[in-house]
Amino acid sequence: MTTTTTNELTNGVNGRWLGSRLTSTPTGTRGIFRHYVPDVDSIDLKEWPDEIASHTMSTSVAHWDNDVRGKLIRCVAEGEVSYEARINGTEETYGFADISAYSLDKLSALAKVANDLRYEWAEITGLHEGVVWSVL
């Protein structure tokens, strides 16, 4: 699977931020980062383990001083494309993905990341007519 580094997100390498890169809201949210990914038709599955290619399509960051981040991942296998949303675990859960919040701030961060991933998934899969997902 492709991975995303903090440097990549900070500098906007291999994609672009939706909205402001700088702290632009009272809660300090940065928003959604859309990654450049190959077209499904151009993927050579023989180059991937188990012939399943996975790419991070979008990353959502609640805010930099919070450890809650999420990814929308596209998986491509022979004749099949699927998506999954992953939200990382928090420090309180030692990085496990069980969702639990121990403060209102953590709950807000989880809600923000989950909503961003829902938004991106709907755009990528064409749920809304006339809306096309694009990095550009």
N, C-alpha and C. Protein backbone atom coordinates (compact mmCIF):
# COMPACT_ATOMS: atom_id res chain seq x y z
N MET A 1 0.83 -1.16 0.00
CA MET A 1 0.00 0.00 0.00
C MET A 1 0.88 1.24 0.00
N THR A 2 0.41 2.27 -0.68
CA THR A 2 1.16 3.52 -0.63
C THR A 2 1.01 4.13 0.75
N THR A 3 2.04 4.79 1.19
CA THR A 3 1.98 5.42 2.51
C THR A 3 2.13 6.92 2.35
N THR A 4 1.71 7.63 3.34
CA THR A 4 1.77 9.08 3.33
C THR A 4 2.65 9.53 4.47
N THR A 5 3.62 10.37 4.16
CA THR A 5 4.51 10.87 5.19
C THR A 5 4.04 12.25 5.64
N THR A 6 4.43 12.64 6.83
CA THR A 6 4.10 13.98 7.33
C THR A 6 4.71 15.02 6.41
N ASN A 7 5.93 14.78 5.91
CA ASN A 7 6.58 15.71 5.00
C ASN A 7 5.76 15.89 3.73
N GLU A 8 5.24 14.78 3.21
CA GLU A 8 4.43 14.85 2.00
C GLU A 8 3.20 15.73 2.22
N LEU A 9 2.55 15.55 3.36
CA LEU A 9 1.36 16.35 3.65
C LEU A 9 1.73 17.81 3.93
N THR A 10 2.82 18.03 4.66
CA THR A 10 3.24 19.39 5.00
C THR A 10 3.58 20.18 3.75
N ASN A 11 4.30 19.57 2.83
CA ASN A 11 4.77 20.28 1.65
C ASN A 11 3.86 20.14 0.44
N GLY A 12 2.80 19.34 0.55
CA GLY A 12 1.87 19.19 -0.57
C GLY A 12 2.47 18.45 -1.75
N VAL A 13 3.39 17.51 -1.47
CA VAL A 13 4.03 16.73 -2.53
C VAL A 13 3.08 15.63 -2.99
N ASN A 14 3.04 15.37 -4.27
CA ASN A 14 2.25 14.27 -4.84
C ASN A 14 0.76 14.41 -4.63
N GLY A 15 0.27 15.62 -4.63
CA GLY A 15 -1.17 15.85 -4.47
C GLY A 15 -1.44 17.30 -4.14
N ARG A 16 -2.63 17.54 -3.58
CA ARG A 16 -2.96 18.92 -3.21
C ARG A 16 -3.96 18.92 -2.06
N TRP A 17 -3.92 20.00 -1.30
CA TRP A 17 -4.87 20.22 -0.20
C TRP A 17 -6.12 20.86 -0.74
N LEU A 18 -7.28 20.42 -0.27
CA LEU A 18 -8.52 21.14 -0.52
C LEU A 18 -8.62 22.19 0.58
N GLY A 19 -8.92 23.39 0.22
CA GLY A 19 -8.98 24.45 1.22
C GLY A 19 -7.59 24.94 1.56
N SER A 20 -7.51 25.71 2.62
CA SER A 20 -6.26 26.34 3.01
C SER A 20 -5.29 25.35 3.64
N ARG A 21 -4.02 25.45 3.29
CA ARG A 21 -2.98 24.63 3.93
C ARG A 21 -2.68 25.14 5.32
N LEU A 22 -2.96 26.39 5.55
CA LEU A 22 -2.66 26.99 6.84
C LEU A 22 -3.86 26.86 7.76
N THR A 23 -3.63 27.03 9.03
CA THR A 23 -4.73 26.99 9.98
C THR A 23 -5.73 28.07 9.60
N SER A 24 -6.92 27.65 9.20
CA SER A 24 -7.88 28.61 8.69
C SER A 24 -9.19 28.62 9.45
N THR A 25 -9.33 27.76 10.44
CA THR A 25 -10.57 27.71 11.19
C THR A 25 -10.24 27.78 12.68
N PRO A 26 -11.22 28.10 13.49
CA PRO A 26 -10.97 28.18 14.93
C PRO A 26 -10.45 26.86 15.52
N THR A 27 -10.82 25.73 14.92
CA THR A 27 -10.36 24.45 15.44
C THR A 27 -9.03 24.01 14.85
N GLY A 28 -8.50 24.76 13.90
CA GLY A 28 -7.20 24.43 13.33
C GLY A 28 -7.22 23.31 12.31
N THR A 29 -8.34 23.06 11.65
CA THR A 29 -8.40 21.98 10.68
C THR A 29 -7.68 22.36 9.41
N ARG A 30 -6.98 21.38 8.84
CA ARG A 30 -6.30 21.60 7.57
C ARG A 30 -7.11 21.04 6.43
N GLY A 31 -7.91 20.05 6.65
CA GLY A 31 -8.77 19.56 5.60
C GLY A 31 -8.36 18.24 5.00
N ILE A 32 -8.56 18.16 3.69
CA ILE A 32 -8.41 16.93 2.93
C ILE A 32 -7.24 17.09 1.97
N PHE A 33 -6.38 16.06 1.93
CA PHE A 33 -5.27 16.02 0.98
C PHE A 33 -5.61 14.96 -0.06
N ARG A 34 -5.67 15.35 -1.34
CA ARG A 34 -5.92 14.41 -2.43
C ARG A 34 -4.59 14.02 -3.06
N HIS A 35 -4.35 12.72 -3.14
CA HIS A 35 -3.10 12.18 -3.66
C HIS A 35 -3.21 11.91 -5.16
N TYR A 36 -2.10 12.13 -5.86
CA TYR A 36 -2.04 11.68 -7.24
C TYR A 36 -1.92 10.17 -7.23
N VAL A 37 -2.76 9.50 -8.00
CA VAL A 37 -2.73 8.04 -8.09
C VAL A 37 -2.88 7.65 -9.56
N PRO A 38 -2.37 6.47 -9.94
CA PRO A 38 -2.51 6.05 -11.34
C PRO A 38 -3.95 5.68 -11.66
N ASP A 39 -4.31 5.83 -12.93
CA ASP A 39 -5.62 5.35 -13.37
C ASP A 39 -5.68 3.84 -13.18
N VAL A 40 -6.86 3.34 -12.94
CA VAL A 40 -7.05 1.90 -12.72
C VAL A 40 -6.53 1.12 -13.92
N ASP A 41 -6.80 1.61 -15.13
CA ASP A 41 -6.40 0.90 -16.35
C ASP A 41 -4.89 0.82 -16.53
N SER A 42 -4.13 1.70 -15.89
CA SER A 42 -2.68 1.72 -16.08
C SER A 42 -1.93 0.91 -15.02
N ILE A 43 -2.62 0.27 -14.12
CA ILE A 43 -1.98 -0.49 -13.04
C ILE A 43 -1.64 -1.89 -13.53
N ASP A 44 -0.37 -2.28 -13.38
CA ASP A 44 0.07 -3.64 -13.71
C ASP A 44 0.03 -4.45 -12.42
N LEU A 45 -0.99 -5.26 -12.28
CA LEU A 45 -1.19 -6.01 -11.03
C LEU A 45 -0.08 -7.02 -10.76
N LYS A 46 0.66 -7.41 -11.78
CA LYS A 46 1.76 -8.36 -11.56
C LYS A 46 2.89 -7.75 -10.73
N GLU A 47 2.93 -6.44 -10.64
CA GLU A 47 3.96 -5.75 -9.86
C GLU A 47 3.59 -5.63 -8.38
N TRP A 48 2.41 -6.08 -8.00
CA TRP A 48 1.91 -5.93 -6.63
C TRP A 48 1.82 -7.28 -5.94
N PRO A 49 2.10 -7.32 -4.63
CA PRO A 49 1.95 -8.56 -3.87
C PRO A 49 0.51 -9.07 -3.98
N ASP A 50 0.37 -10.34 -4.21
CA ASP A 50 -0.95 -10.98 -4.33
C ASP A 50 -1.80 -10.38 -5.44
N GLU A 51 -1.17 -9.63 -6.35
CA GLU A 51 -1.85 -8.99 -7.48
C GLU A 51 -3.03 -8.14 -7.03
N ILE A 52 -2.85 -7.44 -5.92
CA ILE A 52 -3.84 -6.47 -5.43
C ILE A 52 -3.10 -5.15 -5.19
N ALA A 53 -3.48 -4.14 -5.95
CA ALA A 53 -2.84 -2.83 -5.82
C ALA A 53 -3.70 -1.96 -4.90
N SER A 54 -3.03 -1.23 -4.02
CA SER A 54 -3.77 -0.31 -3.15
C SER A 54 -3.06 1.04 -3.13
N HIS A 55 -3.85 2.08 -3.20
CA HIS A 55 -3.34 3.44 -3.21
C HIS A 55 -4.17 4.30 -2.26
N THR A 56 -3.51 5.16 -1.53
CA THR A 56 -4.22 6.14 -0.72
C THR A 56 -4.71 7.24 -1.65
N MET A 57 -6.03 7.39 -1.72
CA MET A 57 -6.64 8.40 -2.59
C MET A 57 -6.71 9.76 -1.88
N SER A 58 -7.11 9.73 -0.62
CA SER A 58 -7.29 10.96 0.16
C SER A 58 -6.86 10.72 1.59
N THR A 59 -6.32 11.75 2.21
CA THR A 59 -5.97 11.72 3.63
C THR A 59 -6.69 12.88 4.30
N SER A 60 -7.28 12.61 5.45
CA SER A 60 -7.93 13.65 6.24
C SER A 60 -7.17 13.82 7.54
N VAL A 61 -6.88 15.07 7.88
CA VAL A 61 -6.18 15.39 9.11
C VAL A 61 -7.11 16.26 9.95
N ALA A 62 -7.37 15.82 11.19
CA ALA A 62 -8.24 16.61 12.05
C ALA A 62 -7.57 17.93 12.38
N HIS A 63 -6.40 17.89 12.95
CA HIS A 63 -5.49 19.03 13.10
C HIS A 63 -4.14 18.48 13.55
N TRP A 64 -3.09 19.26 13.31
CA TRP A 64 -1.73 18.75 13.49
C TRP A 64 -1.40 18.40 14.93
N ASP A 65 -2.03 19.08 15.87
CA ASP A 65 -1.72 18.77 17.27
C ASP A 65 -2.60 17.63 17.80
N ASN A 66 -3.33 16.98 16.92
CA ASN A 66 -4.18 15.86 17.27
C ASN A 66 -3.70 14.65 16.49
N ASP A 67 -3.79 13.48 17.06
CA ASP A 67 -3.27 12.29 16.40
C ASP A 67 -4.29 11.57 15.54
N VAL A 68 -5.45 12.15 15.29
CA VAL A 68 -6.49 11.49 14.51
C VAL A 68 -6.33 11.85 13.04
N ARG A 69 -6.10 10.82 12.23
CA ARG A 69 -5.99 10.98 10.78
C ARG A 69 -6.71 9.80 10.12
N GLY A 70 -7.17 10.02 8.92
CA GLY A 70 -7.85 8.96 8.20
C GLY A 70 -7.41 8.92 6.75
N LYS A 71 -7.64 7.77 6.13
CA LYS A 71 -7.28 7.59 4.72
C LYS A 71 -8.42 6.90 4.00
N LEU A 72 -8.63 7.30 2.76
CA LEU A 72 -9.50 6.57 1.86
C LEU A 72 -8.59 5.84 0.89
N ILE A 73 -8.72 4.52 0.87
CA ILE A 73 -7.80 3.67 0.11
C ILE A 73 -8.56 2.94 -0.99
N ARG A 74 -8.00 2.95 -2.20
CA ARG A 74 -8.57 2.22 -3.32
C ARG A 74 -7.79 0.93 -3.49
N CYS A 75 -8.50 -0.18 -3.59
CA CYS A 75 -7.87 -1.49 -3.84
C CYS A 75 -8.31 -1.96 -5.22
N VAL A 76 -7.34 -2.40 -6.02
CA VAL A 76 -7.63 -2.86 -7.37
C VAL A 76 -7.13 -4.30 -7.50
N ALA A 77 -8.04 -5.19 -7.87
CA ALA A 77 -7.71 -6.58 -8.16
C ALA A 77 -8.24 -6.87 -9.57
N GLU A 78 -7.99 -8.04 -10.07
CA GLU A 78 -8.43 -8.40 -11.42
C GLU A 78 -9.93 -8.15 -11.59
N GLY A 79 -10.29 -7.14 -12.39
CA GLY A 79 -11.68 -6.85 -12.69
C GLY A 79 -12.49 -6.28 -11.53
N GLU A 80 -11.83 -5.83 -10.47
CA GLU A 80 -12.56 -5.35 -9.29
C GLU A 80 -11.88 -4.14 -8.68
N VAL A 81 -12.67 -3.14 -8.33
CA VAL A 81 -12.18 -1.96 -7.63
C VAL A 81 -13.03 -1.79 -6.38
N SER A 82 -12.37 -1.64 -5.23
CA SER A 82 -13.11 -1.43 -3.98
C SER A 82 -12.42 -0.33 -3.18
N TYR A 83 -13.10 0.15 -2.17
CA TYR A 83 -12.58 1.23 -1.34
C TYR A 83 -12.72 0.86 0.13
N GLU A 84 -11.84 1.41 0.94
CA GLU A 84 -11.97 1.26 2.38
C GLU A 84 -11.51 2.56 3.04
N ALA A 85 -12.14 2.88 4.14
CA ALA A 85 -11.77 4.05 4.92
C ALA A 85 -11.11 3.56 6.20
N ARG A 86 -9.97 4.13 6.52
CA ARG A 86 -9.25 3.78 7.75
C ARG A 86 -9.00 5.04 8.56
N ILE A 87 -9.33 4.95 9.83
CA ILE A 87 -9.02 6.03 10.76
C ILE A 87 -8.05 5.45 11.77
N ASN A 88 -6.91 6.12 11.92
CA ASN A 88 -5.89 5.57 12.82
C ASN A 88 -6.37 5.61 14.26
N GLY A 89 -5.78 4.78 15.07
CA GLY A 89 -6.10 4.77 16.49
C GLY A 89 -5.49 5.97 17.18
N THR A 90 -5.97 6.25 18.35
CA THR A 90 -5.46 7.38 19.11
C THR A 90 -4.42 6.89 20.11
N GLU A 91 -3.70 7.82 20.71
CA GLU A 91 -2.68 7.45 21.69
C GLU A 91 -3.28 6.65 22.83
N GLU A 92 -4.51 6.99 23.22
CA GLU A 92 -5.15 6.30 24.33
C GLU A 92 -5.38 4.82 24.04
N THR A 93 -5.50 4.47 22.75
CA THR A 93 -5.73 3.07 22.38
C THR A 93 -4.48 2.45 21.76
N TYR A 94 -3.34 3.09 21.93
CA TYR A 94 -2.04 2.59 21.44
C TYR A 94 -2.04 2.34 19.93
N GLY A 95 -2.78 3.16 19.20
CA GLY A 95 -2.76 3.08 17.75
C GLY A 95 -3.74 2.10 17.14
N PHE A 96 -4.48 1.38 17.95
CA PHE A 96 -5.47 0.46 17.39
C PHE A 96 -6.63 1.26 16.81
N ALA A 97 -7.33 0.70 15.84
CA ALA A 97 -8.36 1.43 15.13
C ALA A 97 -9.73 1.37 15.82
N ASP A 98 -9.82 0.76 16.99
CA ASP A 98 -11.09 0.83 17.72
C ASP A 98 -11.39 2.29 17.98
N ILE A 99 -12.59 2.69 17.66
CA ILE A 99 -12.92 4.09 17.84
C ILE A 99 -13.49 4.31 19.23
N SER A 100 -12.80 5.13 19.96
CA SER A 100 -13.28 5.55 21.27
C SER A 100 -12.75 6.96 21.50
N ALA A 101 -13.54 7.76 22.15
CA ALA A 101 -13.13 9.13 22.41
C ALA A 101 -13.18 9.38 23.91
N TYR A 102 -12.15 10.02 24.42
CA TYR A 102 -12.05 10.30 25.84
C TYR A 102 -12.18 11.78 26.16
N SER A 103 -12.51 12.56 25.12
CA SER A 103 -12.76 13.98 25.33
C SER A 103 -13.60 14.49 24.16
N LEU A 104 -14.23 15.62 24.36
CA LEU A 104 -15.04 16.21 23.30
C LEU A 104 -14.16 16.57 22.10
N ASP A 105 -12.93 17.03 22.35
CA ASP A 105 -12.01 17.34 21.25
C ASP A 105 -11.71 16.11 20.41
N LYS A 106 -11.46 14.96 21.06
CA LYS A 106 -11.18 13.73 20.32
C LYS A 106 -12.41 13.29 19.52
N LEU A 107 -13.58 13.40 20.11
CA LEU A 107 -14.81 13.03 19.41
C LEU A 107 -15.02 13.93 18.20
N SER A 108 -14.75 15.22 18.34
CA SER A 108 -14.86 16.15 17.21
C SER A 108 -13.86 15.80 16.11
N ALA A 109 -12.64 15.44 16.51
CA ALA A 109 -11.62 15.06 15.52
C ALA A 109 -12.03 13.81 14.76
N LEU A 110 -12.55 12.81 15.46
CA LEU A 110 -13.02 11.58 14.80
C LEU A 110 -14.16 11.88 13.84
N ALA A 111 -15.10 12.72 14.27
CA ALA A 111 -16.24 13.07 13.42
C ALA A 111 -15.77 13.81 12.17
N LYS A 112 -14.81 14.72 12.33
CA LYS A 112 -14.31 15.49 11.19
C LYS A 112 -13.65 14.56 10.17
N VAL A 113 -12.78 13.66 10.64
CA VAL A 113 -12.06 12.76 9.75
C VAL A 113 -13.04 11.80 9.07
N ALA A 114 -13.98 11.23 9.82
CA ALA A 114 -14.97 10.32 9.24
C ALA A 114 -15.82 11.02 8.18
N ASN A 115 -16.21 12.25 8.45
CA ASN A 115 -17.02 12.99 7.48
C ASN A 115 -16.22 13.32 6.22
N ASP A 116 -14.95 13.70 6.39
CA ASP A 116 -14.10 13.96 5.22
C ASP A 116 -13.98 12.72 4.34
N LEU A 117 -13.77 11.55 4.96
CA LEU A 117 -13.62 10.31 4.20
C LEU A 117 -14.93 9.94 3.50
N ARG A 118 -16.05 10.18 4.16
CA ARG A 118 -17.36 9.93 3.55
C ARG A 118 -17.54 10.81 2.31
N TYR A 119 -17.18 12.07 2.45
CA TYR A 119 -17.29 13.03 1.35
C TYR A 119 -16.43 12.58 0.16
N GLU A 120 -15.19 12.21 0.42
CA GLU A 120 -14.29 11.79 -0.65
C GLU A 120 -14.78 10.50 -1.32
N TRP A 121 -15.22 9.53 -0.53
CA TRP A 121 -15.72 8.26 -1.07
C TRP A 121 -16.89 8.53 -2.02
N ALA A 122 -17.82 9.38 -1.62
CA ALA A 122 -18.98 9.70 -2.46
C ALA A 122 -18.54 10.34 -3.77
N GLU A 123 -17.55 11.22 -3.72
CA GLU A 123 -17.09 11.87 -4.95
C GLU A 123 -16.34 10.89 -5.86
N ILE A 124 -15.48 10.07 -5.29
CA ILE A 124 -14.70 9.13 -6.10
C ILE A 124 -15.59 8.12 -6.79
N THR A 125 -16.60 7.64 -6.12
CA THR A 125 -17.46 6.60 -6.68
C THR A 125 -18.62 7.16 -7.51
N GLY A 126 -18.68 8.49 -7.64
CA GLY A 126 -19.69 9.10 -8.50
C GLY A 126 -21.09 9.09 -7.92
N LEU A 127 -21.20 9.10 -6.61
CA LEU A 127 -22.51 9.08 -5.96
C LEU A 127 -23.35 10.30 -6.34
N HIS A 128 -22.70 11.45 -6.48
CA HIS A 128 -23.42 12.67 -6.83
C HIS A 128 -23.25 12.94 -8.32
N GLU A 129 -24.34 12.95 -9.04
CA GLU A 129 -24.32 13.13 -10.48
C GLU A 129 -23.68 14.46 -10.85
N GLY A 130 -22.79 14.43 -11.84
CA GLY A 130 -22.14 15.63 -12.32
C GLY A 130 -20.92 16.07 -11.53
N VAL A 131 -20.57 15.34 -10.46
CA VAL A 131 -19.40 15.67 -9.66
C VAL A 131 -18.30 14.67 -10.01
N VAL A 132 -17.13 15.18 -10.37
CA VAL A 132 -16.01 14.32 -10.75
C VAL A 132 -14.86 14.57 -9.79
N TRP A 133 -14.35 13.51 -9.17
CA TRP A 133 -13.20 13.63 -8.26
C TRP A 133 -11.96 13.90 -9.07
N SER A 134 -11.15 14.84 -8.64
CA SER A 134 -9.91 15.18 -9.34
C SER A 134 -8.92 15.76 -8.34
N VAL A 135 -7.65 15.45 -8.55
CA VAL A 135 -6.60 16.05 -7.75
C VAL A 135 -6.41 17.50 -8.18
N LEU A 136 -6.59 17.77 -9.45
CA LEU A 136 -6.36 19.12 -9.98
C LEU A 136 -7.43 20.09 -9.59
